[in-house]
Amino acid sequence: MNFDVVPISIFGNPNIGVYMFANDDFALIPPGVKEDVVKKVESALKVTVVEAKVADSTLLGLFVNGNNHALVVPSIIKEYELENLKRELDLPIKVVYSKLTAMGNVILCNDKFALFHPEMSNWVKDVTEVLGVPGETGTIAGVPTVGSVAVINDKGGLVHPDASDEELNELEKKFQVVLDIGTVNYGVPYVKTGLVANNKGAVVGDLTTGVEMARVARALSGE
């Protein structure tokens, strides 16, 4: 199957990763995204698009995380927002009561493993149970917000260019994929900010260069 990488912006912003979450079944996007962008997301990721908000915010990619087994949200989510997600989505949703609320940045996971921000150690057991994977705390390239510096699916992954070969080797063993380093949006090393992917395709911020897009495609398609 073709692994498409499609450039988009959300609300005119190339930092699409802060607005969106996706797995192989659905993509969560905020209300008010232009119809042509929604169509691009659906066709690139081959998913159903579901509108949502968390804590009255459009920054879903910042607050939501998960894999194909479960969704993880912070306790600042409003009751009606949680009910909306439960109604729309057919998978378990774990609410995390932590002072760290940006679940998208403090967890990095695929369907094989989860890496957590060092200050999330109390939550590793509960969250990995619902995600259906083993997990531990750690950093990548010295950065504790591990979810912000990498995007990993079940075929591969793209990681912050400052990650060492040794780190990449360790991460490859844990996530059971081959990883590459790279950037998005013309040189941004925090790849999650401009990249949303599942196992079928990816969308990137529209400032991402052709060379960067080729690298994203290679890293995440497993080819």
C-alpha atoms as a PDB file:
ATOM      1  CA  MET A   1       0.000   0.000   0.000  1.00  0.00           C
ATOM      2  CA  ASN A   2       1.239   3.475  -0.828  1.00  0.00           C
ATOM      3  CA  PHE A   3       2.469   5.508   2.129  1.00  0.00           C
ATOM      4  CA  ASP A   4       1.421   9.048   1.209  1.00  0.00           C
ATOM      5  CA  VAL A   5       2.936  12.124   2.848  1.00  0.00           C
ATOM      6  CA  VAL A   6       0.679  15.128   2.317  1.00  0.00           C
ATOM      7  CA  PRO A   7       1.502  18.752   3.268  1.00  0.00           C
ATOM      8  CA  ILE A   8      -1.256  20.722   5.038  1.00  0.00           C
ATOM      9  CA  SER A   9      -1.750  23.661   7.374  1.00  0.00           C
ATOM     10  CA  ILE A  10      -4.380  23.940  10.107  1.00  0.00           C
ATOM     11  CA  PHE A  11      -5.831  27.412  10.723  1.00  0.00           C
ATOM     12  CA  GLY A  12      -3.025  28.628   8.437  1.00  0.00           C
ATOM     13  CA  ASN A  13      -0.418  27.143  10.790  1.00  0.00           C
ATOM     14  CA  PRO A  14       2.241  24.618   9.697  1.00  0.00           C
ATOM     15  CA  ASN A  15       2.524  23.232  13.257  1.00  0.00           C
ATOM     16  CA  ILE A  16      -0.162  20.681  12.510  1.00  0.00           C
ATOM     17  CA  GLY A  17       1.048  18.199  15.119  1.00  0.00           C
ATOM     18  CA  VAL A  18      -0.170  20.365  17.984  1.00  0.00           C
ATOM     19  CA  TYR A  19      -3.730  20.313  16.601  1.00  0.00           C
ATOM     20  CA  MET A  20      -4.194  16.660  15.620  1.00  0.00           C
ATOM     21  CA  PHE A  21      -4.002  13.089  16.860  1.00  0.00           C
ATOM     22  CA  ALA A  22      -4.330  10.007  14.664  1.00  0.00           C
ATOM     23  CA  ASN A  23      -4.180   6.235  14.800  1.00  0.00           C
ATOM     24  CA  ASP A  24      -5.135   3.699  12.112  1.00  0.00           C
ATOM     25  CA  ASP A  25      -8.887   4.152  12.644  1.00  0.00           C
ATOM     26  CA  PHE A  26      -9.485   7.846  13.169  1.00  0.00           C
ATOM     27  CA  ALA A  27      -7.971  11.320  13.298  1.00  0.00           C
ATOM     28  CA  LEU A  28      -9.039  13.831  15.932  1.00  0.00           C
ATOM     29  CA  ILE A  29      -9.127  17.398  14.658  1.00  0.00           C
ATOM     30  CA  PRO A  30     -10.566  20.590  16.152  1.00  0.00           C
ATOM     31  CA  PRO A  31     -13.830  22.095  14.888  1.00  0.00           C
ATOM     32  CA  GLY A  32     -13.514  24.707  12.154  1.00  0.00           C
ATOM     33  CA  VAL A  33     -10.765  23.131  10.043  1.00  0.00           C
ATOM     34  CA  LYS A  34     -11.314  23.818   6.337  1.00  0.00           C
ATOM     35  CA  GLU A  35     -13.097  21.082   4.399  1.00  0.00           C
ATOM     36  CA  ASP A  36     -10.268  20.652   1.886  1.00  0.00           C
ATOM     37  CA  VAL A  37      -7.808  20.072   4.751  1.00  0.00           C
ATOM     38  CA  VAL A  38     -10.149  17.514   6.344  1.00  0.00           C
ATOM     39  CA  LYS A  39     -10.305  15.667   3.012  1.00  0.00           C
ATOM     40  CA  LYS A  40      -6.506  15.640   2.740  1.00  0.00           C
ATOM     41  CA  VAL A  41      -6.224  14.200   6.260  1.00  0.00           C
ATOM     42  CA  GLU A  42      -8.791  11.497   5.464  1.00  0.00           C
ATOM     43  CA  SER A  43      -7.088  10.499   2.235  1.00  0.00           C
ATOM     44  CA  ALA A  44      -3.465  10.630   3.486  1.00  0.00           C
ATOM     45  CA  LEU A  45      -4.117   8.712   6.712  1.00  0.00           C
ATOM     46  CA  LYS A  46      -7.027   6.624   5.319  1.00  0.00           C
ATOM     47  CA  VAL A  47      -9.137   7.288   8.421  1.00  0.00           C
ATOM     48  CA  THR A  48     -12.408   8.787   9.611  1.00  0.00           C
ATOM     49  CA  VAL A  49     -12.050  12.328  10.929  1.00  0.00           C
ATOM     50  CA  VAL A  50     -13.674  13.106  14.286  1.00  0.00           C
ATOM     51  CA  GLU A  51     -14.047  16.655  15.613  1.00  0.00           C
ATOM     52  CA  ALA A  52     -13.119  17.179  19.255  1.00  0.00           C
ATOM     53  CA  LYS A  53     -11.769  19.593  21.835  1.00  0.00           C
ATOM     54  CA  VAL A  54      -9.893  19.070  25.093  1.00  0.00           C
ATOM     55  CA  ALA A  55     -10.145  21.639  27.909  1.00  0.00           C
ATOM     56  CA  ASP A  56     -11.903  23.981  25.459  1.00  0.00           C
ATOM     57  CA  SER A  57      -8.710  23.924  23.411  1.00  0.00           C
ATOM     58  CA  THR A  58      -8.077  23.175  19.749  1.00  0.00           C
ATOM     59  CA  LEU A  59      -4.590  21.844  20.620  1.00  0.00           C
ATOM     60  CA  LEU A  60      -5.556  18.161  20.473  1.00  0.00           C
ATOM     61  CA  GLY A  61      -2.092  16.986  19.465  1.00  0.00           C
ATOM     62  CA  LEU A  62      -0.714  18.583  22.593  1.00  0.00           C
ATOM     63  CA  PHE A  63      -3.239  17.017  24.987  1.00  0.00           C
ATOM     64  CA  VAL A  64      -4.119  13.638  23.442  1.00  0.00           C
ATOM     65  CA  ASN A  65      -1.952  10.565  22.968  1.00  0.00           C
ATOM     66  CA  GLY A  66      -2.436   6.869  22.359  1.00  0.00           C
ATOM     67  CA  ASN A  67      -2.076   4.022  19.911  1.00  0.00           C
ATOM     68  CA  ASN A  68      -4.407   1.565  18.179  1.00  0.00           C
ATOM     69  CA  HIS A  69      -5.407   0.076  21.548  1.00  0.00           C
ATOM     70  CA  ALA A  70      -6.351   3.118  23.615  1.00  0.00           C
ATOM     71  CA  LEU A  71      -6.445   6.888  23.992  1.00  0.00           C
ATOM     72  CA  VAL A  72      -4.801   8.877  26.812  1.00  0.00           C
ATOM     73  CA  VAL A  73      -6.174  12.284  27.865  1.00  0.00           C
ATOM     74  CA  PRO A  74      -5.388  14.700  30.736  1.00  0.00           C
ATOM     75  CA  SER A  75      -7.754  15.295  33.651  1.00  0.00           C
ATOM     76  CA  ILE A  76      -8.353  18.878  32.473  1.00  0.00           C
ATOM     77  CA  ILE A  77     -10.643  17.435  29.773  1.00  0.00           C
ATOM     78  CA  LYS A  78     -14.235  18.593  30.290  1.00  0.00           C
ATOM     79  CA  GLU A  79     -16.859  15.951  31.076  1.00  0.00           C
ATOM     80  CA  TYR A  80     -18.857  16.647  27.888  1.00  0.00           C
ATOM     81  CA  GLU A  81     -15.668  16.473  25.795  1.00  0.00           C
ATOM     82  CA  LEU A  82     -14.868  13.063  27.273  1.00  0.00           C
ATOM     83  CA  GLU A  83     -18.439  11.872  26.659  1.00  0.00           C
ATOM     84  CA  ASN A  84     -18.151  13.047  23.050  1.00  0.00           C
ATOM     85  CA  LEU A  85     -14.948  11.012  22.573  1.00  0.00           C
ATOM     86  CA  LYS A  86     -16.510   7.932  24.194  1.00  0.00           C
ATOM     87  CA  ARG A  87     -19.541   8.241  21.925  1.00  0.00           C
ATOM     88  CA  GLU A  88     -17.494   8.715  18.745  1.00  0.00           C
ATOM     89  CA  LEU A  89     -14.637   6.281  19.361  1.00  0.00           C
ATOM     90  CA  ASP A  90     -14.635   2.561  19.909  1.00  0.00           C
ATOM     91  CA  LEU A  91     -11.607   2.203  22.190  1.00  0.00           C
ATOM     92  CA  PRO A  92     -10.725   2.646  25.877  1.00  0.00           C
ATOM     93  CA  ILE A  93      -9.906   6.174  27.063  1.00  0.00           C
ATOM     94  CA  LYS A  94      -7.557   6.638  30.015  1.00  0.00           C
ATOM     95  CA  VAL A  95      -7.781   9.893  31.981  1.00  0.00           C
ATOM     96  CA  VAL A  96      -4.451  10.838  33.599  1.00  0.00           C
ATOM     97  CA  TYR A  97      -4.495  13.005  36.739  1.00  0.00           C
ATOM     98  CA  SER A  98      -1.008  14.478  36.486  1.00  0.00           C
ATOM     99  CA  LYS A  99       0.365  18.009  36.806  1.00  0.00           C
ATOM    100  CA  LEU A 100       1.831  17.313  33.372  1.00  0.00           C
ATOM    101  CA  THR A 101      -1.184  17.742  31.104  1.00  0.00           C
ATOM    102  CA  ALA A 102       0.362  17.727  27.615  1.00  0.00           C
ATOM    103  CA  MET A 103      -0.043  13.985  27.036  1.00  0.00           C
ATOM    104  CA  GLY A 104       1.021  14.428  23.412  1.00  0.00           C
ATOM    105  CA  ASN A 105       4.433  15.633  24.562  1.00  0.00           C
ATOM    106  CA  VAL A 106       5.073  13.507  27.658  1.00  0.00           C
ATOM    107  CA  ILE A 107       4.440  10.082  26.077  1.00  0.00           C
ATOM    108  CA  LEU A 108       5.880   8.521  22.921  1.00  0.00           C
ATOM    109  CA  CYS A 109       4.186   5.286  21.906  1.00  0.00           C
ATOM    110  CA  ASN A 110       3.305   2.852  19.169  1.00  0.00           C
ATOM    111  CA  ASP A 111       1.622  -0.574  19.451  1.00  0.00           C
ATOM    112  CA  LYS A 112       4.823  -2.154  20.843  1.00  0.00           C
ATOM    113  CA  PHE A 113       6.191   0.217  23.506  1.00  0.00           C
ATOM    114  CA  ALA A 114       5.699   3.511  25.364  1.00  0.00           C
ATOM    115  CA  LEU A 115       8.348   5.957  26.589  1.00  0.00           C
ATOM    116  CA  PHE A 116       7.368   8.489  29.265  1.00  0.00           C
ATOM    117  CA  HIS A 117       8.638  11.846  30.535  1.00  0.00           C
ATOM    118  CA  PRO A 118      10.896  11.203  33.579  1.00  0.00           C
ATOM    119  CA  GLU A 119       8.326  12.854  35.885  1.00  0.00           C
ATOM    120  CA  MET A 120       5.581  10.443  34.736  1.00  0.00           C
ATOM    121  CA  SER A 121       6.997   7.400  36.564  1.00  0.00           C
ATOM    122  CA  ASN A 122       3.879   7.056  38.768  1.00  0.00           C
ATOM    123  CA  TRP A 123       1.730   6.659  35.670  1.00  0.00           C
ATOM    124  CA  VAL A 124       3.759   4.163  33.643  1.00  0.00           C
ATOM    125  CA  LYS A 125       1.998   1.055  34.994  1.00  0.00           C
ATOM    126  CA  ASP A 126      -1.578   2.347  34.638  1.00  0.00           C
ATOM    127  CA  VAL A 127      -1.092   3.888  31.212  1.00  0.00           C
ATOM    128  CA  THR A 128       0.877   1.010  29.663  1.00  0.00           C
ATOM    129  CA  GLU A 129      -1.823  -1.380  30.878  1.00  0.00           C
ATOM    130  CA  VAL A 130      -4.473   0.395  28.817  1.00  0.00           C
ATOM    131  CA  LEU A 131      -2.120   0.951  25.849  1.00  0.00           C
ATOM    132  CA  GLY A 132      -1.311  -2.774  25.917  1.00  0.00           C
ATOM    133  CA  VAL A 133       2.460  -2.264  25.770  1.00  0.00           C
ATOM    134  CA  PRO A 134       5.487  -2.321  28.083  1.00  0.00           C
ATOM    135  CA  GLY A 135       6.941   1.064  28.999  1.00  0.00           C
ATOM    136  CA  GLU A 136       9.455   3.080  30.972  1.00  0.00           C
ATOM    137  CA  THR A 137      10.588   6.662  31.559  1.00  0.00           C
ATOM    138  CA  GLY A 138      13.446   8.313  29.683  1.00  0.00           C
ATOM    139  CA  THR A 139      14.671  11.185  27.552  1.00  0.00           C
ATOM    140  CA  ILE A 140      15.641  11.539  23.885  1.00  0.00           C
ATOM    141  CA  ALA A 141      18.533  13.828  22.894  1.00  0.00           C
ATOM    142  CA  GLY A 142      18.423  15.131  26.466  1.00  0.00           C
ATOM    143  CA  VAL A 143      14.798  16.237  26.047  1.00  0.00           C
ATOM    144  CA  PRO A 144      12.282  15.024  28.684  1.00  0.00           C
ATOM    145  CA  THR A 145       9.220  15.746  26.502  1.00  0.00           C
ATOM    146  CA  VAL A 146       9.839  12.575  24.512  1.00  0.00           C
ATOM    147  CA  GLY A 147       6.586  12.839  22.575  1.00  0.00           C
ATOM    148  CA  SER A 148       7.657  16.139  21.030  1.00  0.00           C
ATOM    149  CA  VAL A 149      10.932  14.923  19.532  1.00  0.00           C
ATOM    150  CA  ALA A 150       9.820  11.799  17.663  1.00  0.00           C
ATOM    151  CA  VAL A 151       6.961  10.312  15.666  1.00  0.00           C
ATOM    152  CA  ILE A 152       6.898   6.514  15.655  1.00  0.00           C
ATOM    153  CA  ASN A 153       4.396   4.107  14.109  1.00  0.00           C
ATOM    154  CA  ASP A 154       4.611   0.303  13.843  1.00  0.00           C
ATOM    155  CA  LYS A 155       6.777   0.434  10.697  1.00  0.00           C
ATOM    156  CA  GLY A 156       9.398   3.035  11.593  1.00  0.00           C
ATOM    157  CA  GLY A 157       9.931   6.475  13.020  1.00  0.00           C
ATOM    158  CA  LEU A 158      11.483   9.912  12.676  1.00  0.00           C
ATOM    159  CA  VAL A 159      13.521  11.283  15.578  1.00  0.00           C
ATOM    160  CA  HIS A 160      15.174  14.589  16.581  1.00  0.00           C
ATOM    161  CA  PRO A 161      18.535  14.962  14.753  1.00  0.00           C
ATOM    162  CA  ASP A 162      20.444  15.309  18.044  1.00  0.00           C
ATOM    163  CA  ALA A 163      19.561  11.757  19.118  1.00  0.00           C
ATOM    164  CA  SER A 164      22.760   9.685  19.264  1.00  0.00           C
ATOM    165  CA  ASP A 165      23.293   6.413  17.388  1.00  0.00           C
ATOM    166  CA  GLU A 166      23.332   4.670  20.744  1.00  0.00           C
ATOM    167  CA  GLU A 167      19.944   6.174  21.667  1.00  0.00           C
ATOM    168  CA  LEU A 168      18.480   5.246  18.291  1.00  0.00           C
ATOM    169  CA  ASN A 169      19.675   1.644  18.696  1.00  0.00           C
ATOM    170  CA  GLU A 170      18.068   1.412  22.141  1.00  0.00           C
ATOM    171  CA  LEU A 171      14.819   2.962  20.908  1.00  0.00           C
ATOM    172  CA  GLU A 172      14.748   0.635  17.886  1.00  0.00           C
ATOM    173  CA  LYS A 173      14.932  -2.402  20.169  1.00  0.00           C
ATOM    174  CA  LYS A 174      12.147  -1.134  22.400  1.00  0.00           C
ATOM    175  CA  PHE A 175       9.743   0.135  19.744  1.00  0.00           C
ATOM    176  CA  GLN A 176      10.677  -2.768  17.400  1.00  0.00           C
ATOM    177  CA  VAL A 177      11.117  -0.524  14.357  1.00  0.00           C
ATOM    178  CA  VAL A 178      13.937   1.020  12.323  1.00  0.00           C
ATOM    179  CA  LEU A 179      14.371   4.732  13.073  1.00  0.00           C
ATOM    180  CA  ASP A 180      15.849   7.674  11.213  1.00  0.00           C
ATOM    181  CA  ILE A 181      16.647  11.233  12.237  1.00  0.00           C
ATOM    182  CA  GLY A 182      15.117  14.209  10.491  1.00  0.00           C
ATOM    183  CA  THR A 183      13.297  17.526  10.662  1.00  0.00           C
ATOM    184  CA  VAL A 184       9.994  19.055   9.512  1.00  0.00           C
ATOM    185  CA  ASN A 185       8.796  22.501   8.427  1.00  0.00           C
ATOM    186  CA  TYR A 186      12.172  23.570   7.009  1.00  0.00           C
ATOM    187  CA  GLY A 187      14.500  22.481   9.792  1.00  0.00           C
ATOM    188  CA  VAL A 188      12.385  22.087  12.948  1.00  0.00           C
ATOM    189  CA  PRO A 189      13.887  19.250  15.061  1.00  0.00           C
ATOM    190  CA  TYR A 190      10.781  18.801  17.259  1.00  0.00           C
ATOM    191  CA  VAL A 191       9.288  16.581  14.592  1.00  0.00           C
ATOM    192  CA  LYS A 192       5.960  15.959  16.303  1.00  0.00           C
ATOM    193  CA  THR A 193       5.047  19.646  15.911  1.00  0.00           C
ATOM    194  CA  GLY A 194       4.826  19.289  12.140  1.00  0.00           C
ATOM    195  CA  LEU A 195       4.094  15.605  11.557  1.00  0.00           C
ATOM    196  CA  VAL A 196       1.128  13.315  12.222  1.00  0.00           C
ATOM    197  CA  ALA A 197       1.333   9.710  11.045  1.00  0.00           C
ATOM    198  CA  ASN A 198      -0.244   6.304  11.384  1.00  0.00           C
ATOM    199  CA  ASN A 199       0.707   3.027   9.698  1.00  0.00           C
ATOM    200  CA  LYS A 200      -0.975   4.049   6.423  1.00  0.00           C
ATOM    201  CA  GLY A 201       0.308   7.558   5.741  1.00  0.00           C
ATOM    202  CA  ALA A 202       1.300  10.943   7.126  1.00  0.00           C
ATOM    203  CA  VAL A 203       0.482  14.631   6.985  1.00  0.00           C
ATOM    204  CA  VAL A 204       3.185  17.262   7.449  1.00  0.00           C
ATOM    205  CA  GLY A 205       3.231  21.021   7.908  1.00  0.00           C
ATOM    206  CA  ASP A 206       3.202  22.863   4.604  1.00  0.00           C
ATOM    207  CA  LEU A 207       6.644  24.435   5.204  1.00  0.00           C
ATOM    208  CA  THR A 208       8.180  20.947   5.080  1.00  0.00           C
ATOM    209  CA  THR A 209      10.638  20.664   2.176  1.00  0.00           C
ATOM    210  CA  GLY A 210      10.662  17.968  -0.495  1.00  0.00           C
ATOM    211  CA  VAL A 211      13.816  16.474   0.994  1.00  0.00           C
ATOM    212  CA  GLU A 212      12.239  16.395   4.469  1.00  0.00           C
ATOM    213  CA  MET A 213       9.069  14.801   3.069  1.00  0.00           C
ATOM    214  CA  ALA A 214      11.061  12.094   1.302  1.00  0.00           C
ATOM    215  CA  ARG A 215      12.790  11.324   4.584  1.00  0.00           C
ATOM    216  CA  VAL A 216       9.466  11.186   6.453  1.00  0.00           C
ATOM    217  CA  ALA A 217       8.100   8.763   3.861  1.00  0.00           C
ATOM    218  CA  ARG A 218      11.159   6.547   4.049  1.00  0.00           C
ATOM    219  CA  ALA A 219      11.349   6.585   7.850  1.00  0.00           C
ATOM    220  CA  LEU A 220       7.678   5.830   8.499  1.00  0.00           C
ATOM    221  CA  SER A 221       6.793   3.475   5.649  1.00  0.00           C
ATOM    222  CA  GLY A 222       9.274   0.844   6.810  1.00  0.00           C
ATOM    223  CA  GLU A 223      10.651   0.508   3.283  1.00  0.00           C
END
